[in-house]
């Protein structure tokens, strides 16, 4: 009886909503990333799991909120997709597209310099994604090889919007958690103020990162 209860408890810990958690594929001070399986369609996803206590203790709540808001704004084939966000009393679960090919940084470190044709293709995809993000009022501000992932088809995808910034317009999140833009927020909406004119917060803040990627 005890073993059955323990097995059921362990199984429950491996489930978050409709997702069955698998191995850890990344871990930091405040979060870990685990591969998971959607039990409804059997697709694999990556779930970023954040400890709420650590997030609040280190005053990272606004950064996490901004990351989620900006990812809801961008839907592009060369940007890692955000599927949904869930929460419990102690954890926040950010469900993301699982990009199987790994970091471009690791691929270059292992295989050496890219062929010119490959580098040109990746850079074109990077610039297309950056231009799209800018058109949506989103500025990544942390473009580097570690934040560029490759899928199984060899397509580049930008990840990690934790240091991103929004345009000078006021950001409004409606009751469904969907982002929209207004200069004056209406009733029943959650408002996140603009980040102001911090250095690198505008369009010029992301483009130099792309240039550095090319130089590397």
Protein backbone atom coordinates (compact mmCIF):
# COMPACT_ATOMS: atom_id res chain seq x y z
CA UNK A 1 0.00 0.00 0.00
CA UNK A 2 2.81 2.40 0.93
CA UNK A 3 4.70 1.60 -2.26
CA UNK A 4 1.59 2.23 -4.36
CA UNK A 5 1.03 5.63 -2.71
CA UNK A 6 4.69 6.54 -3.14
CA UNK A 7 4.63 5.54 -6.80
CA UNK A 8 1.49 7.62 -7.36
CA UNK A 9 3.12 10.58 -5.59
CA UNK A 10 6.27 10.34 -7.71
CA UNK A 11 4.19 10.10 -10.87
CA UNK A 12 2.24 13.22 -9.86
CA UNK A 13 5.51 15.11 -9.31
CA UNK A 14 6.53 14.23 -12.85
CA UNK A 15 3.36 15.79 -14.26
CA UNK A 16 2.60 19.48 -14.71
CA UNK A 17 -0.83 19.93 -16.22
CA UNK A 18 -0.89 17.92 -19.45
CA UNK A 19 2.91 17.60 -19.53
CA UNK A 20 5.03 14.71 -18.30
CA UNK A 21 8.40 15.99 -17.13
CA UNK A 22 11.62 14.39 -18.33
CA UNK A 23 15.31 15.02 -17.77
CA UNK A 24 16.86 18.37 -16.91
CA UNK A 25 18.55 19.98 -19.93
CA UNK A 26 19.63 23.24 -18.31
CA UNK A 27 19.97 24.69 -14.82
CA UNK A 28 20.77 28.08 -13.32
CA UNK A 29 20.59 29.86 -9.97
CA UNK A 30 16.88 30.63 -10.14
CA UNK A 31 15.50 28.16 -12.67
CA UNK A 32 15.95 24.86 -14.41
CA UNK A 33 14.79 23.70 -17.83
CA UNK A 34 13.37 20.22 -18.32
CA UNK A 35 12.29 18.45 -21.44
CA UNK A 36 8.65 17.34 -21.23
CA UNK A 37 6.05 15.51 -23.28
CA UNK A 38 2.60 16.87 -24.08
CA UNK A 39 0.41 13.88 -23.20
CA UNK A 40 -2.37 15.08 -25.52
CA UNK A 41 -0.39 15.15 -28.77
CA UNK A 42 2.95 13.56 -27.71
CA UNK A 43 4.97 16.59 -28.80
CA UNK A 44 8.09 17.43 -26.83
CA UNK A 45 8.46 20.84 -25.20
CA UNK A 46 10.95 22.57 -22.92
CA UNK A 47 9.60 23.77 -19.57
CA UNK A 48 11.44 26.51 -17.70
CA UNK A 49 10.72 26.01 -13.99
CA UNK A 50 11.23 28.99 -11.69
CA UNK A 51 11.26 28.98 -7.90
CA UNK A 52 8.90 31.78 -6.81
CA UNK A 53 10.66 32.35 -3.49
CA UNK A 54 14.04 32.84 -5.18
CA UNK A 55 12.51 35.06 -7.86
CA UNK A 56 10.95 37.40 -5.30
CA UNK A 57 13.96 37.32 -2.98
CA UNK A 58 16.21 38.48 -5.82
CA UNK A 59 13.62 40.95 -7.15
CA UNK A 60 13.34 39.25 -10.53
CA UNK A 61 9.55 39.20 -10.79
CA UNK A 62 9.42 42.18 -13.16
CA UNK A 63 12.11 40.67 -15.39
CA UNK A 64 10.22 37.36 -15.62
CA UNK A 65 6.95 39.16 -16.29
CA UNK A 66 8.59 41.19 -19.05
CA UNK A 67 10.11 38.06 -20.61
CA UNK A 68 6.69 36.41 -20.75
CA UNK A 69 4.99 39.52 -22.14
CA UNK A 70 7.56 40.01 -24.89
CA UNK A 71 7.45 36.37 -25.96
CA UNK A 72 3.67 36.58 -26.27
CA UNK A 73 4.21 39.45 -28.70
CA UNK A 74 6.51 37.59 -31.09
CA UNK A 75 5.44 34.67 -33.27
CA UNK A 76 8.15 34.05 -35.86
CA UNK A 77 9.72 30.87 -37.31
CA UNK A 78 13.16 32.03 -36.11
CA UNK A 79 12.10 32.80 -32.54
CA UNK A 80 11.55 30.12 -29.88
CA UNK A 81 7.81 29.90 -29.36
CA UNK A 82 6.06 30.37 -26.02
CA UNK A 83 3.15 27.93 -25.68
CA UNK A 84 1.74 28.72 -22.25
CA UNK A 85 2.53 29.73 -18.67
CA UNK A 86 1.33 27.88 -15.58
CA UNK A 87 1.83 28.38 -11.88
CA UNK A 88 1.57 26.70 -8.50
CA UNK A 89 2.09 28.03 -4.97
CA UNK A 90 5.84 27.64 -5.27
CA UNK A 91 6.70 27.41 -8.97
CA UNK A 92 6.20 29.14 -12.31
CA UNK A 93 6.23 26.92 -15.41
CA UNK A 94 7.01 28.53 -18.78
CA UNK A 95 6.27 26.07 -21.58
CA UNK A 96 8.46 26.66 -24.64
CA UNK A 97 9.19 25.12 -28.00
CA UNK A 98 11.82 22.39 -27.65
CA UNK A 99 14.70 23.10 -30.05
CA UNK A 100 16.57 19.83 -30.40
CA UNK A 101 19.71 20.96 -32.25
CA UNK A 102 21.23 22.83 -29.30
CA UNK A 103 23.15 26.09 -29.04
CA UNK A 104 25.03 27.52 -32.01
CA UNK A 105 27.86 28.25 -29.55
CA UNK A 106 28.33 24.55 -28.75
CA UNK A 107 28.15 23.55 -32.41
CA UNK A 108 30.89 26.01 -33.36
CA UNK A 109 33.01 25.03 -30.34
CA UNK A 110 32.78 21.37 -31.36
CA UNK A 111 32.98 21.59 -35.15
CA UNK A 112 35.04 24.74 -35.60
CA UNK A 113 34.38 27.60 -37.99
CA UNK A 114 31.16 27.51 -40.01
CA UNK A 115 31.19 27.34 -43.78
CA UNK A 116 30.48 30.69 -45.40
CA UNK A 117 27.18 29.44 -46.84
CA UNK A 118 26.01 28.25 -43.41
CA UNK A 119 27.06 31.47 -41.69
CA UNK A 120 25.27 33.55 -44.31
CA UNK A 121 22.07 31.53 -43.90
CA UNK A 122 22.09 31.77 -40.11
CA UNK A 123 22.78 35.50 -40.20
CA UNK A 124 19.94 36.10 -42.66
CA UNK A 125 17.56 34.21 -40.36
CA UNK A 126 18.86 36.17 -37.38
CA UNK A 127 18.33 39.54 -39.05
CA UNK A 128 14.85 38.52 -40.25
CA UNK A 129 13.90 37.60 -36.68
CA UNK A 130 15.42 40.76 -35.18
CA UNK A 131 13.64 42.99 -37.71
CA UNK A 132 10.36 41.23 -36.92
CA UNK A 133 10.87 41.70 -33.17
CA UNK A 134 11.57 45.40 -33.69
CA UNK A 135 8.40 45.74 -35.75
CA UNK A 136 6.52 44.40 -32.70
CA UNK A 137 8.26 46.81 -30.32
CA UNK A 138 10.51 44.14 -28.80
CA UNK A 139 14.29 44.54 -28.41
CA UNK A 140 16.22 41.44 -27.34
CA UNK A 141 19.40 43.18 -26.02
CA UNK A 142 21.28 39.92 -25.35
CA UNK A 143 22.09 38.44 -28.76
CA UNK A 144 24.96 35.98 -28.43
CA UNK A 145 25.78 32.50 -29.67
CA UNK A 146 24.51 30.88 -26.46
CA UNK A 147 21.04 32.35 -27.12
CA UNK A 148 20.86 31.15 -30.73
CA UNK A 149 19.51 27.61 -31.09
CA UNK A 150 19.24 25.30 -34.09
CA UNK A 151 16.36 22.92 -34.79
CA UNK A 152 16.72 19.51 -36.45
CA UNK A 153 16.31 21.11 -39.89
CA UNK A 154 19.17 23.52 -39.22
CA UNK A 155 17.00 26.60 -38.75
CA UNK A 156 18.16 29.25 -36.30
CA UNK A 157 15.91 30.35 -33.43
CA UNK A 158 16.44 33.21 -30.98
CA UNK A 159 15.90 32.30 -27.32
CA UNK A 160 16.06 33.88 -23.84
CA UNK A 161 14.23 37.21 -23.77
CA UNK A 162 15.06 37.79 -20.10
CA UNK A 163 16.90 41.07 -20.78
CA UNK A 164 14.55 42.29 -23.50
CA UNK A 165 13.03 45.77 -23.60
CA UNK A 166 9.77 47.17 -24.95
CA UNK A 167 9.23 50.28 -27.04
CA UNK A 168 8.31 53.62 -25.50
CA UNK A 169 4.60 52.98 -25.94
CA UNK A 170 2.70 51.72 -22.92
CA UNK A 171 2.33 47.97 -22.80
CA UNK A 172 -1.13 46.63 -21.97
CA UNK A 173 -2.01 43.04 -21.10
CA UNK A 174 -5.71 42.29 -21.31
CA UNK A 175 -7.75 39.98 -19.07
CA UNK A 176 -6.83 36.96 -21.21
CA UNK A 177 -3.12 37.65 -20.79
CA UNK A 178 -2.73 38.74 -24.40
CA UNK A 179 -0.54 41.75 -25.20
CA UNK A 180 -1.78 44.76 -27.08
CA UNK A 181 -0.57 48.35 -27.50
CA UNK A 182 -2.29 51.52 -26.33
CA UNK A 183 -1.07 54.97 -25.39
CA UNK A 184 -3.72 55.14 -22.65
CA UNK A 185 -4.69 51.87 -20.99
CA UNK A 186 -8.39 51.13 -20.57
CA UNK A 187 -10.22 49.54 -17.68
CA UNK A 188 -9.76 45.89 -16.83
CA UNK A 189 -6.19 45.71 -18.10
CA UNK A 190 -2.85 45.12 -16.43
CA UNK A 191 -0.33 47.81 -17.34
CA UNK A 192 3.42 47.39 -17.58
CA UNK A 193 5.15 50.75 -18.00
CA UNK A 194 7.81 51.33 -20.62
CA UNK A 195 11.42 50.79 -19.55
CA UNK A 196 12.49 54.31 -20.48
CA UNK A 197 15.55 55.31 -22.46
CA UNK A 198 18.10 53.04 -20.89
CA UNK A 199 21.30 52.62 -22.91
CA UNK A 200 20.69 50.11 -25.69
CA UNK A 201 16.94 49.99 -25.09
CA UNK A 202 15.98 50.95 -28.63
CA UNK A 203 16.64 49.59 -32.10
CA UNK A 204 20.37 50.25 -31.88
CA UNK A 205 20.58 47.96 -28.85
CA UNK A 206 19.99 44.74 -30.79
CA UNK A 207 21.71 45.24 -34.14
CA UNK A 208 25.31 45.43 -32.80
CA UNK A 209 24.73 42.02 -31.21
CA UNK A 210 24.07 40.57 -34.65
CA UNK A 211 27.32 42.06 -35.88
CA UNK A 212 29.23 40.48 -33.01
CA UNK A 213 27.74 37.09 -33.89
CA UNK A 214 29.06 37.46 -37.44
CA UNK A 215 32.55 38.42 -36.25
CA UNK A 216 32.70 35.37 -33.98
